[in-house]
N, C-alpha and C. Protein backbone atom coordinates (compact mmCIF):
# COMPACT_ATOMS: atom_id res chain seq x y z
N UNK A 1 116.65 120.14 102.28
CA UNK A 1 117.08 118.77 102.00
C UNK A 1 115.89 117.95 101.51
N UNK A 2 116.18 116.94 100.70
CA UNK A 2 115.14 116.03 100.24
C UNK A 2 115.59 114.59 100.48
N UNK A 3 114.61 113.70 100.62
CA UNK A 3 114.90 112.27 100.67
C UNK A 3 114.42 111.67 99.35
N UNK A 4 115.35 111.03 98.64
CA UNK A 4 115.03 110.40 97.36
C UNK A 4 115.00 108.90 97.52
N UNK A 5 114.04 108.26 96.87
CA UNK A 5 114.00 106.79 96.80
C UNK A 5 114.46 106.40 95.41
N UNK A 6 115.59 105.70 95.37
CA UNK A 6 116.23 105.33 94.12
C UNK A 6 116.18 103.82 93.97
N UNK A 7 115.89 103.35 92.78
CA UNK A 7 115.92 101.91 92.52
C UNK A 7 117.00 101.60 91.50
N UNK A 8 117.98 100.81 91.92
CA UNK A 8 119.05 100.40 91.02
C UNK A 8 118.60 99.17 90.24
N UNK A 9 118.87 99.17 88.95
CA UNK A 9 118.43 98.06 88.09
C UNK A 9 119.46 96.94 87.99
N UNK A 10 120.75 97.26 88.28
CA UNK A 10 121.80 96.26 88.11
C UNK A 10 122.96 96.55 89.06
N UNK A 11 123.95 95.68 89.06
CA UNK A 11 125.09 95.83 89.96
C UNK A 11 125.89 97.10 89.67
N UNK A 12 125.95 97.49 88.40
CA UNK A 12 126.68 98.71 88.04
C UNK A 12 126.05 99.93 88.72
N UNK A 13 124.73 99.98 88.76
CA UNK A 13 124.05 101.09 89.42
C UNK A 13 124.23 101.03 90.94
N UNK A 14 124.26 99.83 91.50
CA UNK A 14 124.53 99.68 92.93
C UNK A 14 125.90 100.28 93.25
N UNK A 15 126.89 99.95 92.43
CA UNK A 15 128.24 100.47 92.63
C UNK A 15 128.26 101.99 92.52
N UNK A 16 127.54 102.55 91.55
CA UNK A 16 127.47 104.00 91.39
C UNK A 16 126.86 104.67 92.63
N UNK A 17 125.84 104.06 93.20
CA UNK A 17 125.24 104.62 94.42
C UNK A 17 126.22 104.59 95.58
N UNK A 18 126.97 103.51 95.69
CA UNK A 18 127.97 103.42 96.78
C UNK A 18 129.03 104.50 96.61
N UNK A 19 129.49 104.70 95.39
CA UNK A 19 130.49 105.74 95.12
C UNK A 19 129.90 107.12 95.44
N UNK A 20 128.65 107.34 95.08
CA UNK A 20 127.97 108.60 95.39
C UNK A 20 128.00 108.86 96.89
N UNK A 21 127.74 107.83 97.67
CA UNK A 21 127.74 107.96 99.13
C UNK A 21 129.10 108.24 99.72
N UNK A 22 130.16 107.89 98.99
CA UNK A 22 131.53 108.10 99.49
C UNK A 22 132.06 109.49 99.18
N UNK A 23 131.35 110.24 98.36
CA UNK A 23 131.81 111.59 98.00
C UNK A 23 131.42 112.56 99.11
N UNK A 24 132.38 112.84 99.97
CA UNK A 24 132.09 113.62 101.19
C UNK A 24 131.54 115.01 100.91
N UNK A 25 131.96 115.62 99.79
CA UNK A 25 131.51 116.98 99.51
C UNK A 25 130.01 117.04 99.26
N UNK A 26 129.39 115.93 98.84
CA UNK A 26 127.95 115.90 98.60
C UNK A 26 127.16 115.74 99.89
N UNK A 27 127.75 115.14 100.90
CA UNK A 27 127.12 114.92 102.21
C UNK A 27 125.80 114.17 102.10
N UNK A 28 125.76 113.17 101.21
CA UNK A 28 124.58 112.32 101.06
C UNK A 28 124.53 111.35 102.23
N UNK A 29 123.35 111.14 102.77
CA UNK A 29 123.16 110.27 103.93
C UNK A 29 122.18 109.16 103.56
N UNK A 30 122.67 107.92 103.54
CA UNK A 30 121.79 106.79 103.21
C UNK A 30 120.89 106.46 104.39
N UNK A 31 119.60 106.39 104.14
CA UNK A 31 118.65 105.92 105.14
C UNK A 31 118.36 104.45 104.90
N UNK A 32 118.50 104.03 103.68
CA UNK A 32 118.40 102.62 103.30
C UNK A 32 119.51 102.38 102.29
N UNK A 33 120.47 101.54 102.65
CA UNK A 33 121.69 101.39 101.88
C UNK A 33 121.50 100.52 100.63
N UNK A 34 122.33 100.77 99.60
CA UNK A 34 122.27 99.94 98.39
C UNK A 34 122.86 98.56 98.67
N UNK A 35 122.10 97.50 98.39
CA UNK A 35 122.65 96.16 98.60
C UNK A 35 122.39 95.22 97.44
N UNK A 36 121.28 95.38 96.73
CA UNK A 36 121.06 94.52 95.57
C UNK A 36 120.07 95.19 94.61
N UNK A 37 120.18 94.89 93.31
CA UNK A 37 119.28 95.49 92.32
C UNK A 37 117.82 95.20 92.62
N UNK A 38 116.98 96.18 92.34
CA UNK A 38 115.55 96.02 92.53
C UNK A 38 115.06 96.42 93.91
N UNK A 39 115.97 96.57 94.87
CA UNK A 39 115.58 97.00 96.22
C UNK A 39 115.75 98.51 96.32
N UNK A 40 114.77 99.20 96.87
CA UNK A 40 114.86 100.66 96.94
C UNK A 40 115.97 101.12 97.88
N UNK A 41 116.58 102.22 97.51
CA UNK A 41 117.62 102.87 98.31
C UNK A 41 117.08 104.26 98.65
N UNK A 42 117.10 104.60 99.93
CA UNK A 42 116.64 105.93 100.36
C UNK A 42 117.85 106.76 100.76
N UNK A 43 117.96 107.96 100.21
CA UNK A 43 119.06 108.81 100.60
C UNK A 43 118.61 110.24 100.80
N UNK A 44 119.13 110.83 101.87
CA UNK A 44 118.89 112.25 102.16
C UNK A 44 119.97 113.04 101.45
N UNK A 45 119.52 114.02 100.67
CA UNK A 45 120.46 114.84 99.91
C UNK A 45 120.33 116.29 100.39
N UNK A 46 121.43 116.87 100.88
CA UNK A 46 121.38 118.28 101.30
C UNK A 46 121.03 119.18 100.12
N UNK A 47 120.32 120.27 100.40
CA UNK A 47 119.87 121.16 99.34
C UNK A 47 120.98 121.57 98.37
N UNK A 48 122.19 121.97 98.85
CA UNK A 48 123.22 122.40 97.90
C UNK A 48 123.67 121.30 96.93
N UNK A 49 123.43 120.04 97.27
CA UNK A 49 123.86 118.92 96.42
C UNK A 49 122.75 118.38 95.53
N UNK A 50 121.52 118.84 95.73
CA UNK A 50 120.37 118.25 95.04
C UNK A 50 120.49 118.24 93.52
N UNK A 51 120.81 119.38 92.94
CA UNK A 51 120.86 119.47 91.48
C UNK A 51 121.91 118.50 90.92
N UNK A 52 123.09 118.48 91.51
CA UNK A 52 124.15 117.60 91.04
C UNK A 52 123.79 116.13 91.16
N UNK A 53 123.19 115.76 92.28
CA UNK A 53 122.81 114.36 92.49
C UNK A 53 121.72 113.95 91.51
N UNK A 54 120.72 114.80 91.31
CA UNK A 54 119.64 114.47 90.38
C UNK A 54 120.15 114.37 88.95
N UNK A 55 121.10 115.24 88.57
CA UNK A 55 121.69 115.15 87.23
C UNK A 55 122.44 113.84 87.06
N UNK A 56 123.17 113.44 88.08
CA UNK A 56 123.91 112.17 88.04
C UNK A 56 122.95 111.00 87.89
N UNK A 57 121.88 110.98 88.68
CA UNK A 57 120.89 109.90 88.60
C UNK A 57 120.26 109.86 87.20
N UNK A 58 119.92 111.04 86.68
CA UNK A 58 119.31 111.11 85.36
C UNK A 58 120.27 110.61 84.27
N UNK A 59 121.53 111.02 84.37
CA UNK A 59 122.50 110.68 83.32
C UNK A 59 122.82 109.19 83.30
N UNK A 60 122.58 108.50 84.43
CA UNK A 60 122.84 107.05 84.49
C UNK A 60 121.54 106.24 84.45
N UNK A 61 120.45 106.88 84.05
CA UNK A 61 119.15 106.22 83.85
C UNK A 61 118.59 105.55 85.10
N UNK A 62 118.81 106.16 86.25
CA UNK A 62 118.18 105.67 87.48
C UNK A 62 116.72 106.10 87.50
N UNK A 63 115.87 105.25 88.07
CA UNK A 63 114.52 105.71 88.35
C UNK A 63 114.50 106.10 89.83
N UNK A 64 113.91 107.26 90.12
CA UNK A 64 113.84 107.71 91.51
C UNK A 64 112.59 108.54 91.71
N UNK A 65 112.23 108.68 92.96
CA UNK A 65 111.11 109.55 93.32
C UNK A 65 111.50 110.31 94.57
N UNK A 66 110.79 111.41 94.81
CA UNK A 66 111.04 112.21 96.00
C UNK A 66 110.13 111.68 97.11
N UNK A 67 110.74 111.11 98.14
CA UNK A 67 109.96 110.59 99.28
C UNK A 67 109.55 111.71 100.23
N UNK A 68 110.52 112.57 100.56
CA UNK A 68 110.24 113.68 101.46
C UNK A 68 110.73 114.95 100.75
N UNK A 69 109.81 115.84 100.48
CA UNK A 69 110.11 117.05 99.70
C UNK A 69 111.01 118.02 100.44
N UNK A 70 110.77 118.17 101.75
CA UNK A 70 111.50 119.18 102.51
C UNK A 70 111.79 118.64 103.92
N UNK A 71 113.00 118.13 104.10
CA UNK A 71 113.39 117.61 105.42
C UNK A 71 113.80 118.80 106.28
N UNK A 72 113.17 118.94 107.43
CA UNK A 72 113.50 120.06 108.33
C UNK A 72 114.57 119.64 109.30
């Protein structure tokens, strides 16, 4: 698992992050919830979901970084 720090630039991206969190099959766990643009959002992404989540973030032009490379 990895923890990603994502920064939403606008309300549309905030909404996309909320929808991402509601997709139970991804099992994404917010450590810092999306509430307004410009504020970082931290989410733990299980290993099986990593590629899909990163592709989604990339396709919607999110900026993100890996906070924790390997959550044990």
